[in-house]
PDB file of N, CA and C in Angstrom:
ATOM      1  N   UNK A   1       0.827  -1.175   0.000  1.00  0.00           N
ATOM      2  CA  UNK A   1       0.000   0.000   0.000  1.00  0.00           C
ATOM      3  C   UNK A   1       0.875   1.243   0.000  1.00  0.00           C
ATOM      4  N   UNK A   2       1.696   1.354  -0.988  1.00  0.00           N
ATOM      5  CA  UNK A   2       2.603   2.474  -1.101  1.00  0.00           C
ATOM      6  C   UNK A   2       2.010   3.510  -2.049  1.00  0.00           C
ATOM      7  N   UNK A   3       1.054   4.297  -1.563  1.00  0.00           N
ATOM      8  CA  UNK A   3       0.390   5.302  -2.396  1.00  0.00           C
ATOM      9  C   UNK A   3       1.194   6.593  -2.377  1.00  0.00           C
ATOM     10  N   UNK A   4       1.302   7.206  -3.549  1.00  0.00           N
ATOM     11  CA  UNK A   4       2.006   8.480  -3.638  1.00  0.00           C
ATOM     12  C   UNK A   4       1.038   9.597  -3.259  1.00  0.00           C
ATOM     13  N   UNK A   5       1.390  10.352  -2.257  1.00  0.00           N
ATOM     14  CA  UNK A   5       0.543  11.434  -1.772  1.00  0.00           C
ATOM     15  C   UNK A   5       1.011  12.731  -2.422  1.00  0.00           C
ATOM     16  N   UNK A   6       0.065  13.502  -2.972  1.00  0.00           N
ATOM     17  CA  UNK A   6       0.442  14.767  -3.588  1.00  0.00           C
ATOM     18  C   UNK A   6       0.871  15.737  -2.492  1.00  0.00           C
ATOM     19  N   UNK A   7       1.887  16.537  -2.771  1.00  0.00           N
ATOM     20  CA  UNK A   7       2.381  17.473  -1.753  1.00  0.00           C
ATOM     21  C   UNK A   7       1.350  18.560  -1.444  1.00  0.00           C
ATOM     22  N   UNK A   8       1.481  19.121  -0.247  1.00  0.00           N
ATOM     23  CA  UNK A   8       0.569  20.184   0.162  1.00  0.00           C
ATOM     24  C   UNK A   8       1.367  21.448   0.461  1.00  0.00           C
ATOM     25  N   UNK A   9       0.710  22.578   0.370  1.00  0.00           N
ATOM     26  CA  UNK A   9       1.326  23.884   0.607  1.00  0.00           C
ATOM     27  C   UNK A   9       1.679  24.019   2.092  1.00  0.00           C
ATOM     28  N   UNK A  10       2.871  24.490   2.367  1.00  0.00           N
ATOM     29  CA  UNK A  10       3.294  24.666   3.758  1.00  0.00           C
ATOM     30  C   UNK A  10       2.646  25.894   4.387  1.00  0.00           C
ATOM     31  N   UNK A  11       2.117  26.793   3.559  1.00  0.00           N
ATOM     32  CA  UNK A  11       1.491  28.010   4.084  1.00  0.00           C
ATOM     33  C   UNK A  11       0.021  27.793   4.439  1.00  0.00           C
ATOM     34  N   UNK A  12      -0.741  27.198   3.493  1.00  0.00           N
ATOM     35  CA  UNK A  12      -2.194  27.116   3.687  1.00  0.00           C
ATOM     36  C   UNK A  12      -2.726  25.689   3.735  1.00  0.00           C
ATOM     37  N   UNK A  13      -1.913  24.690   3.383  1.00  0.00           N
ATOM     38  CA  UNK A  13      -2.342  23.310   3.441  1.00  0.00           C
ATOM     39  C   UNK A  13      -3.101  22.827   2.209  1.00  0.00           C
ATOM     40  N   UNK A  14      -3.219  23.660   1.179  1.00  0.00           N
ATOM     41  CA  UNK A  14      -3.906  23.268  -0.053  1.00  0.00           C
ATOM     42  C   UNK A  14      -3.008  22.355  -0.884  1.00  0.00           C
ATOM     43  N   UNK A  15      -3.587  21.551  -1.746  1.00  0.00           N
ATOM     44  CA  UNK A  15      -2.758  20.707  -2.621  1.00  0.00           C
ATOM     45  C   UNK A  15      -1.934  21.548  -3.589  1.00  0.00           C
ATOM     46  N   UNK A  16      -0.757  21.059  -3.921  1.00  0.00           N
ATOM     47  CA  UNK A  16       0.109  21.751  -4.876  1.00  0.00           C
ATOM     48  C   UNK A  16      -0.092  21.186  -6.267  1.00  0.00           C
ATOM     49  N   UNK A  17       0.099  22.051  -7.278  1.00  0.00           N
ATOM     50  CA  UNK A  17      -0.050  21.669  -8.680  1.00  0.00           C
ATOM     51  C   UNK A  17       1.339  21.571  -9.283  1.00  0.00           C
ATOM     52  N   UNK A  18       1.657  20.430  -9.882  1.00  0.00           N
ATOM     53  CA  UNK A  18       2.956  20.216 -10.509  1.00  0.00           C
ATOM     54  C   UNK A  18       3.085  21.131 -11.727  1.00  0.00           C
ATOM     55  N   UNK A  19       4.234  21.837 -11.836  1.00  0.00           N
ATOM     56  CA  UNK A  19       4.486  22.728 -12.966  1.00  0.00           C
ATOM     57  C   UNK A  19       5.571  22.158 -13.868  1.00  0.00           C
ATOM     58  N   UNK A  20       6.736  21.871 -13.288  1.00  0.00           N
ATOM     59  CA  UNK A  20       7.832  21.344 -14.108  1.00  0.00           C
ATOM     60  C   UNK A  20       8.866  20.647 -13.230  1.00  0.00           C
ATOM     61  N   UNK A  21       9.753  19.935 -13.911  1.00  0.00           N
ATOM     62  CA  UNK A  21      10.832  19.237 -13.224  1.00  0.00           C
ATOM     63  C   UNK A  21      12.044  19.240 -14.148  1.00  0.00           C
ATOM     64  N   UNK A  22      13.210  19.527 -13.587  1.00  0.00           N
ATOM     65  CA  UNK A  22      14.429  19.492 -14.376  1.00  0.00           C
ATOM     66  C   UNK A  22      15.541  18.839 -13.572  1.00  0.00           C
ATOM     67  N   UNK A  23      16.410  18.139 -14.262  1.00  0.00           N
ATOM     68  CA  UNK A  23      17.553  17.499 -13.628  1.00  0.00           C
ATOM     69  C   UNK A  23      18.781  18.302 -14.021  1.00  0.00           C
ATOM     70  N   UNK A  24      19.510  18.787 -13.016  1.00  0.00           N
ATOM     71  CA  UNK A  24      20.719  19.567 -13.269  1.00  0.00           C
ATOM     72  C   UNK A  24      21.891  18.919 -12.550  1.00  0.00           C
ATOM     73  N   UNK A  25      23.076  19.190 -13.051  1.00  0.00           N
ATOM     74  CA  UNK A  25      24.289  18.714 -12.398  1.00  0.00           C
ATOM     75  C   UNK A  25      25.129  19.940 -12.071  1.00  0.00           C
ATOM     76  N   UNK A  26      25.091  20.384 -10.811  1.00  0.00           N
ATOM     77  CA  UNK A  26      25.845  21.569 -10.424  1.00  0.00           C
ATOM     78  C   UNK A  26      27.347  21.379 -10.676  1.00  0.00           C
ATOM     79  N   UNK A  27      27.994  22.450 -11.065  1.00  0.00           N
ATOM     80  CA  UNK A  27      29.419  22.399 -11.336  1.00  0.00           C
ATOM     81  C   UNK A  27      30.175  22.021 -10.068  1.00  0.00           C
ATOM     82  N   UNK A  28      31.068  21.087 -10.190  1.00  0.00           N
ATOM     83  CA  UNK A  28      31.865  20.643  -9.061  1.00  0.00           C
ATOM     84  C   UNK A  28      31.176  19.595  -8.200  1.00  0.00           C
ATOM     85  N   UNK A  29      29.989  19.198  -8.563  1.00  0.00           N
ATOM     86  CA  UNK A  29      29.256  18.198  -7.794  1.00  0.00           C
ATOM     87  C   UNK A  29      29.324  16.851  -8.506  1.00  0.00           C
ATOM     88  N   UNK A  30      29.340  15.795  -7.737  1.00  0.00           N
ATOM     89  CA  UNK A  30      29.380  14.455  -8.321  1.00  0.00           C
ATOM     90  C   UNK A  30      27.995  13.946  -8.667  1.00  0.00           C
ATOM     91  N   UNK A  31      26.992  14.527  -8.044  1.00  0.00           N
ATOM     92  CA  UNK A  31      25.640  14.016  -8.205  1.00  0.00           C
ATOM     93  C   UNK A  31      24.730  15.073  -8.812  1.00  0.00           C
ATOM     94  N   UNK A  32      23.725  14.626  -9.521  1.00  0.00           N
ATOM     95  CA  UNK A  32      22.763  15.544 -10.115  1.00  0.00           C
ATOM     96  C   UNK A  32      21.673  15.868  -9.099  1.00  0.00           C
ATOM     97  N   UNK A  33      20.952  16.958  -9.363  1.00  0.00           N
ATOM     98  CA  UNK A  33      19.853  17.386  -8.510  1.00  0.00           C
ATOM     99  C   UNK A  33      18.586  17.465  -9.348  1.00  0.00           C
ATOM    100  N   UNK A  34      17.469  17.196  -8.717  1.00  0.00           N
ATOM    101  CA  UNK A  34      16.183  17.315  -9.385  1.00  0.00           C
ATOM    102  C   UNK A  34      15.477  18.529  -8.794  1.00  0.00           C
ATOM    103  N   UNK A  35      15.200  19.521  -9.635  1.00  0.00           N
ATOM    104  CA  UNK A  35      14.456  20.704  -9.214  1.00  0.00           C
ATOM    105  C   UNK A  35      13.029  20.563  -9.708  1.00  0.00           C
ATOM    106  N   UNK A  36      12.097  20.531  -8.779  1.00  0.00           N
ATOM    107  CA  UNK A  36      10.684  20.384  -9.102  1.00  0.00           C
ATOM    108  C   UNK A  36       9.962  21.660  -8.696  1.00  0.00           C
ATOM    109  N   UNK A  37       9.126  22.177  -9.583  1.00  0.00           N
ATOM    110  CA  UNK A  37       8.402  23.414  -9.324  1.00  0.00           C
ATOM    111  C   UNK A  37       6.914  23.100  -9.201  1.00  0.00           C
ATOM    112  N   UNK A  38       6.331  23.607  -8.123  1.00  0.00           N
ATOM    113  CA  UNK A  38       4.906  23.453  -7.860  1.00  0.00           C
ATOM    114  C   UNK A  38       4.279  24.828  -7.669  1.00  0.00           C
ATOM    115  N   UNK A  39       2.978  24.907  -7.886  1.00  0.00           N
ATOM    116  CA  UNK A  39       2.204  26.106  -7.584  1.00  0.00           C
ATOM    117  C   UNK A  39       1.086  25.701  -6.632  1.00  0.00           C
ATOM    118  N   UNK A  40       0.688  26.618  -5.764  1.00  0.00           N
ATOM    119  CA  UNK A  40      -0.394  26.349  -4.822  1.00  0.00           C
ATOM    120  C   UNK A  40      -1.727  26.429  -5.551  1.00  0.00           C
ATOM    121  N   UNK A  41      -2.636  25.527  -5.231  1.00  0.00           N
ATOM    122  CA  UNK A  41      -3.955  25.545  -5.865  1.00  0.00           C
ATOM    123  C   UNK A  41      -4.835  26.669  -5.307  1.00  0.00           C
ATOM    124  N   UNK A  42      -4.465  27.215  -4.169  1.00  0.00           N
ATOM    125  CA  UNK A  42      -5.172  28.357  -3.588  1.00  0.00           C
ATOM    126  C   UNK A  42      -4.630  29.627  -4.242  1.00  0.00           C
ATOM    127  N   UNK A  43      -5.456  30.318  -5.029  1.00  0.00           N
ATOM    128  CA  UNK A  43      -4.992  31.472  -5.802  1.00  0.00           C
ATOM    129  C   UNK A  43      -4.483  32.613  -4.933  1.00  0.00           C
ATOM    130  N   UNK A  44      -5.140  32.869  -3.805  1.00  0.00           N
ATOM    131  CA  UNK A  44      -4.707  33.950  -2.916  1.00  0.00           C
ATOM    132  C   UNK A  44      -3.331  33.651  -2.322  1.00  0.00           C
ATOM    133  N   UNK A  45      -3.133  32.419  -1.909  1.00  0.00           N
ATOM    134  CA  UNK A  45      -1.853  32.003  -1.340  1.00  0.00           C
ATOM    135  C   UNK A  45      -0.751  32.113  -2.389  1.00  0.00           C
ATOM    136  N   UNK A  46      -1.015  31.639  -3.614  1.00  0.00           N
ATOM    137  CA  UNK A  46      -0.015  31.693  -4.672  1.00  0.00           C
ATOM    138  C   UNK A  46       0.304  33.135  -5.042  1.00  0.00           C
ATOM    139  N   UNK A  47      -0.685  34.013  -5.053  1.00  0.00           N
ATOM    140  CA  UNK A  47      -0.453  35.426  -5.353  1.00  0.00           C
ATOM    141  C   UNK A  47       0.475  36.044  -4.307  1.00  0.00           C
ATOM    142  N   UNK A  48       0.273  35.685  -3.050  1.00  0.00           N
ATOM    143  CA  UNK A  48       1.137  36.198  -1.977  1.00  0.00           C
ATOM    144  C   UNK A  48       2.563  35.675  -2.146  1.00  0.00           C
ATOM    145  N   UNK A  49       2.706  34.404  -2.501  1.00  0.00           N
ATOM    146  CA  UNK A  49       4.040  33.836  -2.722  1.00  0.00           C
ATOM    147  C   UNK A  49       4.729  34.502  -3.904  1.00  0.00           C
ATOM    148  N   UNK A  50       3.977  34.780  -4.973  1.00  0.00           N
ATOM    149  CA  UNK A  50       4.544  35.464  -6.138  1.00  0.00           C
ATOM    150  C   UNK A  50       5.017  36.864  -5.761  1.00  0.00           C
ATOM    151  N   UNK A  51       4.243  37.541  -4.921  1.00  0.00           N
ATOM    152  CA  UNK A  51       4.613  38.885  -4.470  1.00  0.00           C
ATOM    153  C   UNK A  51       5.907  38.832  -3.644  1.00  0.00           C
ATOM    154  N   UNK A  52       5.999  37.851  -2.747  1.00  0.00           N
ATOM    155  CA  UNK A  52       7.200  37.704  -1.921  1.00  0.00           C
ATOM    156  C   UNK A  52       8.421  37.372  -2.785  1.00  0.00           C
ATOM    157  N   UNK A  53       8.231  36.532  -3.790  1.00  0.00           N
ATOM    158  CA  UNK A  53       9.331  36.175  -4.690  1.00  0.00           C
ATOM    159  C   UNK A  53       9.814  37.391  -5.463  1.00  0.00           C
ATOM    160  N   UNK A  54       8.886  38.197  -5.972  1.00  0.00           N
ATOM    161  CA  UNK A  54       9.252  39.398  -6.711  1.00  0.00           C
ATOM    162  C   UNK A  54      10.027  40.371  -5.816  1.00  0.00           C
ATOM    163  N   UNK A  55       9.591  40.509  -4.572  1.00  0.00           N
ATOM    164  CA  UNK A  55      10.278  41.401  -3.635  1.00  0.00           C
ATOM    165  C   UNK A  55      11.691  40.891  -3.336  1.00  0.00           C
ATOM    166  N   UNK A  56      11.816  39.569  -3.158  1.00  0.00           N
ATOM    167  CA  UNK A  56      13.118  38.975  -2.877  1.00  0.00           C
ATOM    168  C   UNK A  56      14.080  39.178  -4.056  1.00  0.00           C
ATOM    169  N   UNK A  57      13.575  39.019  -5.284  1.00  0.00           N
ATOM    170  CA  UNK A  57      14.416  39.223  -6.464  1.00  0.00           C
ATOM    171  C   UNK A  57      14.838  40.683  -6.605  1.00  0.00           C
ATOM    172  N   UNK A  58      13.923  41.608  -6.294  1.00  0.00           N
ATOM    173  CA  UNK A  58      14.248  43.022  -6.355  1.00  0.00           C
ATOM    174  C   UNK A  58      15.340  43.364  -5.343  1.00  0.00           C
ATOM    175  N   UNK A  59      15.232  42.840  -4.124  1.00  0.00           N
ATOM    176  CA  UNK A  59      16.252  43.097  -3.106  1.00  0.00           C
ATOM    177  C   UNK A  59      17.605  42.515  -3.521  1.00  0.00           C
ATOM    178  N   UNK A  60      17.581  41.340  -4.159  1.00  0.00           N
ATOM    179  CA  UNK A  60      18.815  40.716  -4.624  1.00  0.00           C
ATOM    180  C   UNK A  60      19.483  41.580  -5.703  1.00  0.00           C
ATOM    181  N   UNK A  61      18.678  42.138  -6.618  1.00  0.00           N
ATOM    182  CA  UNK A  61      19.221  43.007  -7.662  1.00  0.00           C
ATOM    183  C   UNK A  61      19.792  44.284  -7.069  1.00  0.00           C
ATOM    184  N   UNK A  62      19.093  44.867  -6.104  1.00  0.00           N
ATOM    185  CA  UNK A  62      19.585  46.076  -5.441  1.00  0.00           C
ATOM    186  C   UNK A  62      20.896  45.804  -4.723  1.00  0.00           C
ATOM    187  N   UNK A  63      20.992  44.680  -4.049  1.00  0.00           N
ATOM    188  CA  UNK A  63      22.225  44.320  -3.342  1.00  0.00           C
ATOM    189  C   UNK A  63      23.374  44.134  -4.326  1.00  0.00           C
ATOM    190  N   UNK A  64      23.106  43.487  -5.457  1.00  0.00           N
ATOM    191  CA  UNK A  64      24.151  43.290  -6.462  1.00  0.00           C
ATOM    192  C   UNK A  64      24.638  44.628  -7.006  1.00  0.00           C
ATOM    193  N   UNK A  65      23.714  45.555  -7.216  1.00  0.00           N
ATOM    194  CA  UNK A  65      24.088  46.891  -7.707  1.00  0.00           C
ATOM    195  C   UNK A  65      24.950  47.621  -6.689  1.00  0.00           C
ATOM    196  N   UNK A  66      24.561  47.556  -5.417  1.00  0.00           N
ATOM    197  CA  UNK A  66      25.328  48.208  -4.353  1.00  0.00           C
ATOM    198  C   UNK A  66      26.715  47.585  -4.238  1.00  0.00           C
ATOM    199  N   UNK A  67      26.782  46.257  -4.300  1.00  0.00           N
ATOM    200  CA  UNK A  67      28.080  45.573  -4.224  1.00  0.00           C
ATOM    201  C   UNK A  67      28.980  45.983  -5.383  1.00  0.00           C
ATOM    202  N   UNK A  68      28.405  46.122  -6.574  1.00  0.00           N
ATOM    203  CA  UNK A  68      29.191  46.522  -7.742  1.00  0.00           C
ATOM    204  C   UNK A  68      29.705  47.950  -7.567  1.00  0.00           C
ATOM    205  N   UNK A  69      28.874  48.851  -7.068  1.00  0.00           N
ATOM    206  CA  UNK A  69      29.298  50.234  -6.832  1.00  0.00           C
ATOM    207  C   UNK A  69      30.419  50.285  -5.803  1.00  0.00           C
ATOM    208  N   UNK A  70      30.306  49.491  -4.758  1.00  0.00           N
ATOM    209  CA  UNK A  70      31.368  49.459  -3.734  1.00  0.00           C
ATOM    210  C   UNK A  70      32.679  48.956  -4.327  1.00  0.00           C
ATOM    211  N   UNK A  71      32.589  47.921  -5.153  1.00  0.00           N
ATOM    212  CA  UNK A  71      33.793  47.369  -5.777  1.00  0.00           C
ATOM    213  C   UNK A  71      34.442  48.404  -6.690  1.00  0.00           C
ATOM    214  N   UNK A  72      33.635  49.149  -7.425  1.00  0.00           N
ATOM    215  CA  UNK A  72      34.181  50.187  -8.301  1.00  0.00           C
ATOM    216  C   UNK A  72      34.845  51.292  -7.492  1.00  0.00           C
ATOM    217  N   UNK A  73      34.221  51.716  -6.384  1.00  0.00           N
ATOM    218  CA  UNK A  73      34.815  52.741  -5.522  1.00  0.00           C
ATOM    219  C   UNK A  73      36.129  52.257  -4.933  1.00  0.00           C
ATOM    220  N   UNK A  74      36.145  50.996  -4.490  1.00  0.00           N
ATOM    221  CA  UNK A  74      37.364  50.433  -3.896  1.00  0.00           C
ATOM    222  C   UNK A  74      38.468  50.371  -4.936  1.00  0.00           C
ATOM    223  N   UNK A  75      38.126  49.972  -6.145  1.00  0.00           N
ATOM    224  CA  UNK A  75      39.110  49.891  -7.223  1.00  0.00           C
ATOM    225  C   UNK A  75      39.659  51.277  -7.551  1.00  0.00           C
ATOM    226  N   UNK A  76      38.775  52.282  -7.552  1.00  0.00           N
ATOM    227  CA  UNK A  76      39.182  53.659  -7.845  1.00  0.00           C
ATOM    228  C   UNK A  76      40.146  54.176  -6.777  1.00  0.00           C
ATOM    229  N   UNK A  77      39.845  53.882  -5.507  1.00  0.00           N
ATOM    230  CA  UNK A  77      40.712  54.307  -4.411  1.00  0.00           C
ATOM    231  C   UNK A  77      42.076  53.639  -4.506  1.00  0.00           C
ATOM    232  N   UNK A  78      42.091  52.349  -4.834  1.00  0.00           N
ATOM    233  CA  UNK A  78      43.355  51.633  -4.948  1.00  0.00           C
ATOM    234  C   UNK A  78      44.184  52.138  -6.124  1.00  0.00           C
ATOM    235  N   UNK A  79      43.540  52.563  -7.210  1.00  0.00           N
ATOM    236  CA  UNK A  79      44.260  53.081  -8.378  1.00  0.00           C
ATOM    237  C   UNK A  79      44.866  54.444  -8.078  1.00  0.00           C
ATOM    238  N   UNK A  80      44.241  55.215  -7.181  1.00  0.00           N
ATOM    239  CA  UNK A  80      44.742  56.552  -6.851  1.00  0.00           C
ATOM    240  C   UNK A  80      46.038  56.480  -6.048  1.00  0.00           C
ATOM    241  N   UNK A  81      46.229  55.405  -5.299  1.00  0.00           N
ATOM    242  CA  UNK A  81      47.416  55.309  -4.454  1.00  0.00           C
ATOM    243  C   UNK A  81      48.520  54.666  -5.155  1.00  0.00           C
TER     244      UNK A  81
END
């Protein structure tokens, strides 16, 4: 009786909808990884997750821009000396 149970959302407990699956082999790793993407069947919950993801990506881009500016300033200071 080994039934496969569909995964549930950790936020609201609704069933998840399978979107895609890809097998990747990270550089320097001996083993491959399986990345599986699901969406929540609860539209309100999924909308909130999409909003959080967009905010996280925006913060990551802002941080990368700030890090690049700092590196350029540091390089400029080192070239002056």
